[in-house]
């Protein structure tokens, strides 16, 4: 008897995934200028970015996430650009698996990790807090055209935490 692993497969986001990513963006962020397939292509082409996909056991894309390496070699930092999960797949660990992969890469790069999240997205805020993020500011009317506010959150550099 085999047991089914409920965790999604997380691997590299491919150019062949961008149409599905854009479709999910329209579903997830209808009032906030969802990214187009071209926007995803541009993100994948940027050498400082790390984009990943979550797939179900049949290989279908059920989520995506992206991270940018910023700062300098001496003072690196990372920024989570996006995390999106098919609404039918929520509360199954998909977002957590995607975030874990982004944070693994951020830890390789070093430095703190920043992100913005809607102030009313309680589930995402709870996930980020579990991973060590704290609210460090508020950006009024950050999301357009809806005008929704965003929290800026930061997870400290893990290298510094391990030295204390």
C-alpha atoms as a PDB file:
ATOM      1  CA  UNK A   1       0.000   0.000   0.000  1.00  0.00           C
ATOM      2  CA  UNK A   2       1.362   3.427  -0.882  1.00  0.00           C
ATOM      3  CA  UNK A   3       0.588   6.612   0.933  1.00  0.00           C
ATOM      4  CA  UNK A   4      -0.133   9.835  -0.875  1.00  0.00           C
ATOM      5  CA  UNK A   5       2.169  12.719   0.008  1.00  0.00           C
ATOM      6  CA  UNK A   6      -0.145  15.744   0.293  1.00  0.00           C
ATOM      7  CA  UNK A   7       2.695  18.222  -0.196  1.00  0.00           C
ATOM      8  CA  UNK A   8       2.880  19.673  -3.680  1.00  0.00           C
ATOM      9  CA  UNK A   9       5.895  19.211  -5.894  1.00  0.00           C
ATOM     10  CA  UNK A  10       7.833  22.481  -5.986  1.00  0.00           C
ATOM     11  CA  UNK A  11      10.127  23.001  -8.951  1.00  0.00           C
ATOM     12  CA  UNK A  12      11.296  25.751 -11.278  1.00  0.00           C
ATOM     13  CA  UNK A  13       8.650  27.889 -12.951  1.00  0.00           C
ATOM     14  CA  UNK A  14       8.907  27.422 -16.719  1.00  0.00           C
ATOM     15  CA  UNK A  15       8.033  29.650 -19.660  1.00  0.00           C
ATOM     16  CA  UNK A  16       5.354  27.098 -20.494  1.00  0.00           C
ATOM     17  CA  UNK A  17       3.690  27.994 -17.146  1.00  0.00           C
ATOM     18  CA  UNK A  18       3.213  31.721 -17.749  1.00  0.00           C
ATOM     19  CA  UNK A  19      -0.257  31.500 -19.320  1.00  0.00           C
ATOM     20  CA  UNK A  20      -1.530  29.521 -16.308  1.00  0.00           C
ATOM     21  CA  UNK A  21       0.150  32.006 -13.933  1.00  0.00           C
ATOM     22  CA  UNK A  22      -1.606  34.893 -15.686  1.00  0.00           C
ATOM     23  CA  UNK A  23      -4.909  32.993 -15.481  1.00  0.00           C
ATOM     24  CA  UNK A  24      -4.461  32.499 -11.735  1.00  0.00           C
ATOM     25  CA  UNK A  25      -3.505  36.179 -11.324  1.00  0.00           C
ATOM     26  CA  UNK A  26      -6.820  37.233 -12.887  1.00  0.00           C
ATOM     27  CA  UNK A  27      -8.679  34.954 -10.463  1.00  0.00           C
ATOM     28  CA  UNK A  28      -6.663  35.927  -7.380  1.00  0.00           C
ATOM     29  CA  UNK A  29      -6.164  39.663  -7.899  1.00  0.00           C
ATOM     30  CA  UNK A  30      -9.036  40.930 -10.080  1.00  0.00           C
ATOM     31  CA  UNK A  31      -9.129  44.426  -8.560  1.00  0.00           C
ATOM     32  CA  UNK A  32      -5.384  44.979  -8.330  1.00  0.00           C
ATOM     33  CA  UNK A  33      -3.827  44.985 -11.805  1.00  0.00           C
ATOM     34  CA  UNK A  34      -3.011  41.267 -12.140  1.00  0.00           C
ATOM     35  CA  UNK A  35       0.251  40.348 -13.855  1.00  0.00           C
ATOM     36  CA  UNK A  36       0.110  39.342 -17.508  1.00  0.00           C
ATOM     37  CA  UNK A  37       1.895  36.433 -19.155  1.00  0.00           C
ATOM     38  CA  UNK A  38       4.408  38.978 -20.485  1.00  0.00           C
ATOM     39  CA  UNK A  39       5.084  40.208 -16.949  1.00  0.00           C
ATOM     40  CA  UNK A  40       5.855  36.637 -15.867  1.00  0.00           C
ATOM     41  CA  UNK A  41       8.122  36.169 -18.897  1.00  0.00           C
ATOM     42  CA  UNK A  42      10.058  39.295 -17.909  1.00  0.00           C
ATOM     43  CA  UNK A  43      10.383  38.101 -14.312  1.00  0.00           C
ATOM     44  CA  UNK A  44      11.674  34.701 -15.448  1.00  0.00           C
ATOM     45  CA  UNK A  45      14.240  36.375 -17.729  1.00  0.00           C
ATOM     46  CA  UNK A  46      15.723  38.539 -14.964  1.00  0.00           C
ATOM     47  CA  UNK A  47      18.893  36.859 -13.638  1.00  0.00           C
ATOM     48  CA  UNK A  48      18.413  38.122 -10.070  1.00  0.00           C
ATOM     49  CA  UNK A  49      15.028  36.389  -9.740  1.00  0.00           C
ATOM     50  CA  UNK A  50      14.108  32.919  -8.481  1.00  0.00           C
ATOM     51  CA  UNK A  51      10.620  31.718  -9.499  1.00  0.00           C
ATOM     52  CA  UNK A  52       9.087  28.407  -8.518  1.00  0.00           C
ATOM     53  CA  UNK A  53       5.942  26.442  -9.274  1.00  0.00           C
ATOM     54  CA  UNK A  54       3.800  24.137  -7.160  1.00  0.00           C
ATOM     55  CA  UNK A  55       2.303  21.220  -9.040  1.00  0.00           C
ATOM     56  CA  UNK A  56      -0.265  18.621  -8.117  1.00  0.00           C
ATOM     57  CA  UNK A  57       0.448  14.909  -8.461  1.00  0.00           C
ATOM     58  CA  UNK A  58      -0.562  15.080 -12.127  1.00  0.00           C
ATOM     59  CA  UNK A  59       1.902  17.884 -12.866  1.00  0.00           C
ATOM     60  CA  UNK A  60      -0.650  20.693 -13.134  1.00  0.00           C
ATOM     61  CA  UNK A  61       0.421  24.135 -11.928  1.00  0.00           C
ATOM     62  CA  UNK A  62      -1.481  24.979  -8.737  1.00  0.00           C
ATOM     63  CA  UNK A  63       0.695  27.810  -7.456  1.00  0.00           C
ATOM     64  CA  UNK A  64       3.666  30.017  -8.174  1.00  0.00           C
ATOM     65  CA  UNK A  65       6.027  32.264  -6.262  1.00  0.00           C
ATOM     66  CA  UNK A  66       8.901  34.598  -6.987  1.00  0.00           C
ATOM     67  CA  UNK A  67      11.833  36.129  -5.159  1.00  0.00           C
ATOM     68  CA  UNK A  68      14.257  38.867  -6.207  1.00  0.00           C
ATOM     69  CA  UNK A  69      17.839  39.223  -5.014  1.00  0.00           C
ATOM     70  CA  UNK A  70      18.498  42.857  -4.153  1.00  0.00           C
ATOM     71  CA  UNK A  71      21.159  44.854  -2.385  1.00  0.00           C
ATOM     72  CA  UNK A  72      24.866  44.272  -2.804  1.00  0.00           C
ATOM     73  CA  UNK A  73      27.276  41.421  -2.152  1.00  0.00           C
ATOM     74  CA  UNK A  74      28.182  43.068   1.163  1.00  0.00           C
ATOM     75  CA  UNK A  75      24.599  43.973   2.114  1.00  0.00           C
ATOM     76  CA  UNK A  76      22.302  41.485   0.378  1.00  0.00           C
ATOM     77  CA  UNK A  77      18.563  41.372   0.780  1.00  0.00           C
ATOM     78  CA  UNK A  78      15.694  39.601  -0.906  1.00  0.00           C
ATOM     79  CA  UNK A  79      12.141  40.569  -1.729  1.00  0.00           C
ATOM     80  CA  UNK A  80       9.226  38.205  -2.219  1.00  0.00           C
ATOM     81  CA  UNK A  81       7.567  39.464  -5.394  1.00  0.00           C
ATOM     82  CA  UNK A  82       4.543  37.208  -5.488  1.00  0.00           C
ATOM     83  CA  UNK A  83       2.907  34.075  -4.156  1.00  0.00           C
ATOM     84  CA  UNK A  84      -0.275  32.806  -5.756  1.00  0.00           C
ATOM     85  CA  UNK A  85      -2.231  29.620  -5.086  1.00  0.00           C
ATOM     86  CA  UNK A  86      -5.224  28.275  -6.986  1.00  0.00           C
ATOM     87  CA  UNK A  87      -8.214  28.995  -4.688  1.00  0.00           C
ATOM     88  CA  UNK A  88      -9.302  25.330  -4.972  1.00  0.00           C
ATOM     89  CA  UNK A  89      -5.944  24.303  -3.470  1.00  0.00           C
ATOM     90  CA  UNK A  90      -5.868  26.618  -0.464  1.00  0.00           C
ATOM     91  CA  UNK A  91      -5.340  25.329   3.084  1.00  0.00           C
ATOM     92  CA  UNK A  92      -3.365  22.354   1.760  1.00  0.00           C
ATOM     93  CA  UNK A  93       0.154  23.636   2.408  1.00  0.00           C
ATOM     94  CA  UNK A  94       0.798  24.935  -1.111  1.00  0.00           C
ATOM     95  CA  UNK A  95       1.582  28.512  -0.066  1.00  0.00           C
ATOM     96  CA  UNK A  96       3.771  27.274   2.768  1.00  0.00           C
ATOM     97  CA  UNK A  97       5.716  24.977   0.445  1.00  0.00           C
ATOM     98  CA  UNK A  98       6.275  27.806  -2.040  1.00  0.00           C
ATOM     99  CA  UNK A  99       7.363  30.218   0.694  1.00  0.00           C
ATOM    100  CA  UNK A 100       9.719  27.607   2.170  1.00  0.00           C
ATOM    101  CA  UNK A 101      11.498  27.307  -1.181  1.00  0.00           C
ATOM    102  CA  UNK A 102      11.782  31.086  -1.537  1.00  0.00           C
ATOM    103  CA  UNK A 103      13.195  31.368   1.981  1.00  0.00           C
ATOM    104  CA  UNK A 104      15.643  28.533   1.313  1.00  0.00           C
ATOM    105  CA  UNK A 105      17.020  30.511  -1.633  1.00  0.00           C
ATOM    106  CA  UNK A 106      17.008  33.774   0.325  1.00  0.00           C
ATOM    107  CA  UNK A 107      19.081  32.084   3.024  1.00  0.00           C
ATOM    108  CA  UNK A 108      21.604  30.977   0.380  1.00  0.00           C
ATOM    109  CA  UNK A 109      21.844  34.584  -0.819  1.00  0.00           C
ATOM    110  CA  UNK A 110      21.893  36.008   2.719  1.00  0.00           C
ATOM    111  CA  UNK A 111      20.342  39.126   4.174  1.00  0.00           C
ATOM    112  CA  UNK A 112      16.870  40.043   5.339  1.00  0.00           C
ATOM    113  CA  UNK A 113      13.758  39.192   3.328  1.00  0.00           C
ATOM    114  CA  UNK A 114      11.036  41.771   2.668  1.00  0.00           C
ATOM    115  CA  UNK A 115       7.522  41.533   1.251  1.00  0.00           C
ATOM    116  CA  UNK A 116       4.268  43.449   0.961  1.00  0.00           C
ATOM    117  CA  UNK A 117       0.923  41.916   1.832  1.00  0.00           C
ATOM    118  CA  UNK A 118      -2.591  43.318   1.861  1.00  0.00           C
ATOM    119  CA  UNK A 119      -3.524  44.405   5.366  1.00  0.00           C
ATOM    120  CA  UNK A 120      -6.743  42.370   5.111  1.00  0.00           C
ATOM    121  CA  UNK A 121      -5.058  39.107   4.027  1.00  0.00           C
ATOM    122  CA  UNK A 122      -5.100  37.434   7.440  1.00  0.00           C
ATOM    123  CA  UNK A 123      -4.173  33.961   6.164  1.00  0.00           C
ATOM    124  CA  UNK A 124      -1.039  35.227   4.391  1.00  0.00           C
ATOM    125  CA  UNK A 125      -0.037  37.413   7.335  1.00  0.00           C
ATOM    126  CA  UNK A 126      -0.336  34.404   9.666  1.00  0.00           C
ATOM    127  CA  UNK A 127       1.814  32.300   7.307  1.00  0.00           C
ATOM    128  CA  UNK A 128       4.484  35.001   7.127  1.00  0.00           C
ATOM    129  CA  UNK A 129       4.515  35.434  10.914  1.00  0.00           C
ATOM    130  CA  UNK A 130       5.009  31.667  11.354  1.00  0.00           C
ATOM    131  CA  UNK A 131       8.104  32.005   9.160  1.00  0.00           C
ATOM    132  CA  UNK A 132       9.584  34.818  11.251  1.00  0.00           C
ATOM    133  CA  UNK A 133       8.304  37.901   9.433  1.00  0.00           C
ATOM    134  CA  UNK A 134       7.251  40.964  11.390  1.00  0.00           C
ATOM    135  CA  UNK A 135       5.331  44.025  10.241  1.00  0.00           C
ATOM    136  CA  UNK A 136       7.756  46.928   9.837  1.00  0.00           C
ATOM    137  CA  UNK A 137       5.545  49.472   8.070  1.00  0.00           C
ATOM    138  CA  UNK A 138       2.353  50.244   6.192  1.00  0.00           C
ATOM    139  CA  UNK A 139       2.064  51.424   2.604  1.00  0.00           C
ATOM    140  CA  UNK A 140      -1.151  53.365   2.140  1.00  0.00           C
ATOM    141  CA  UNK A 141      -3.038  52.692  -1.116  1.00  0.00           C
ATOM    142  CA  UNK A 142      -0.229  50.354  -2.256  1.00  0.00           C
ATOM    143  CA  UNK A 143      -2.386  48.092  -4.405  1.00  0.00           C
ATOM    144  CA  UNK A 144      -3.853  49.728  -7.481  1.00  0.00           C
ATOM    145  CA  UNK A 145      -6.408  50.334  -8.723  1.00  0.00           C
ATOM    146  CA  UNK A 146      -8.246  49.099  -5.583  1.00  0.00           C
ATOM    147  CA  UNK A 147      -6.339  51.408  -3.253  1.00  0.00           C
ATOM    148  CA  UNK A 148      -5.893  48.661  -0.649  1.00  0.00           C
ATOM    149  CA  UNK A 149      -3.180  49.198   1.958  1.00  0.00           C
ATOM    150  CA  UNK A 150      -0.227  46.859   2.397  1.00  0.00           C
ATOM    151  CA  UNK A 151       1.969  45.929   5.294  1.00  0.00           C
ATOM    152  CA  UNK A 152       5.674  45.773   4.647  1.00  0.00           C
ATOM    153  CA  UNK A 153       7.027  42.742   6.481  1.00  0.00           C
ATOM    154  CA  UNK A 154      10.604  41.670   7.114  1.00  0.00           C
ATOM    155  CA  UNK A 155      12.284  38.462   8.183  1.00  0.00           C
ATOM    156  CA  UNK A 156      15.756  39.194   9.623  1.00  0.00           C
ATOM    157  CA  UNK A 157      18.917  37.758   8.132  1.00  0.00           C
ATOM    158  CA  UNK A 158      19.105  34.178   9.405  1.00  0.00           C
ATOM    159  CA  UNK A 159      22.898  34.319   9.464  1.00  0.00           C
ATOM    160  CA  UNK A 160      22.800  37.051  12.103  1.00  0.00           C
ATOM    161  CA  UNK A 161      20.208  35.151  14.143  1.00  0.00           C
ATOM    162  CA  UNK A 162      22.417  32.061  14.246  1.00  0.00           C
ATOM    163  CA  UNK A 163      25.374  34.144  15.476  1.00  0.00           C
ATOM    164  CA  UNK A 164      23.491  35.551  18.487  1.00  0.00           C
END
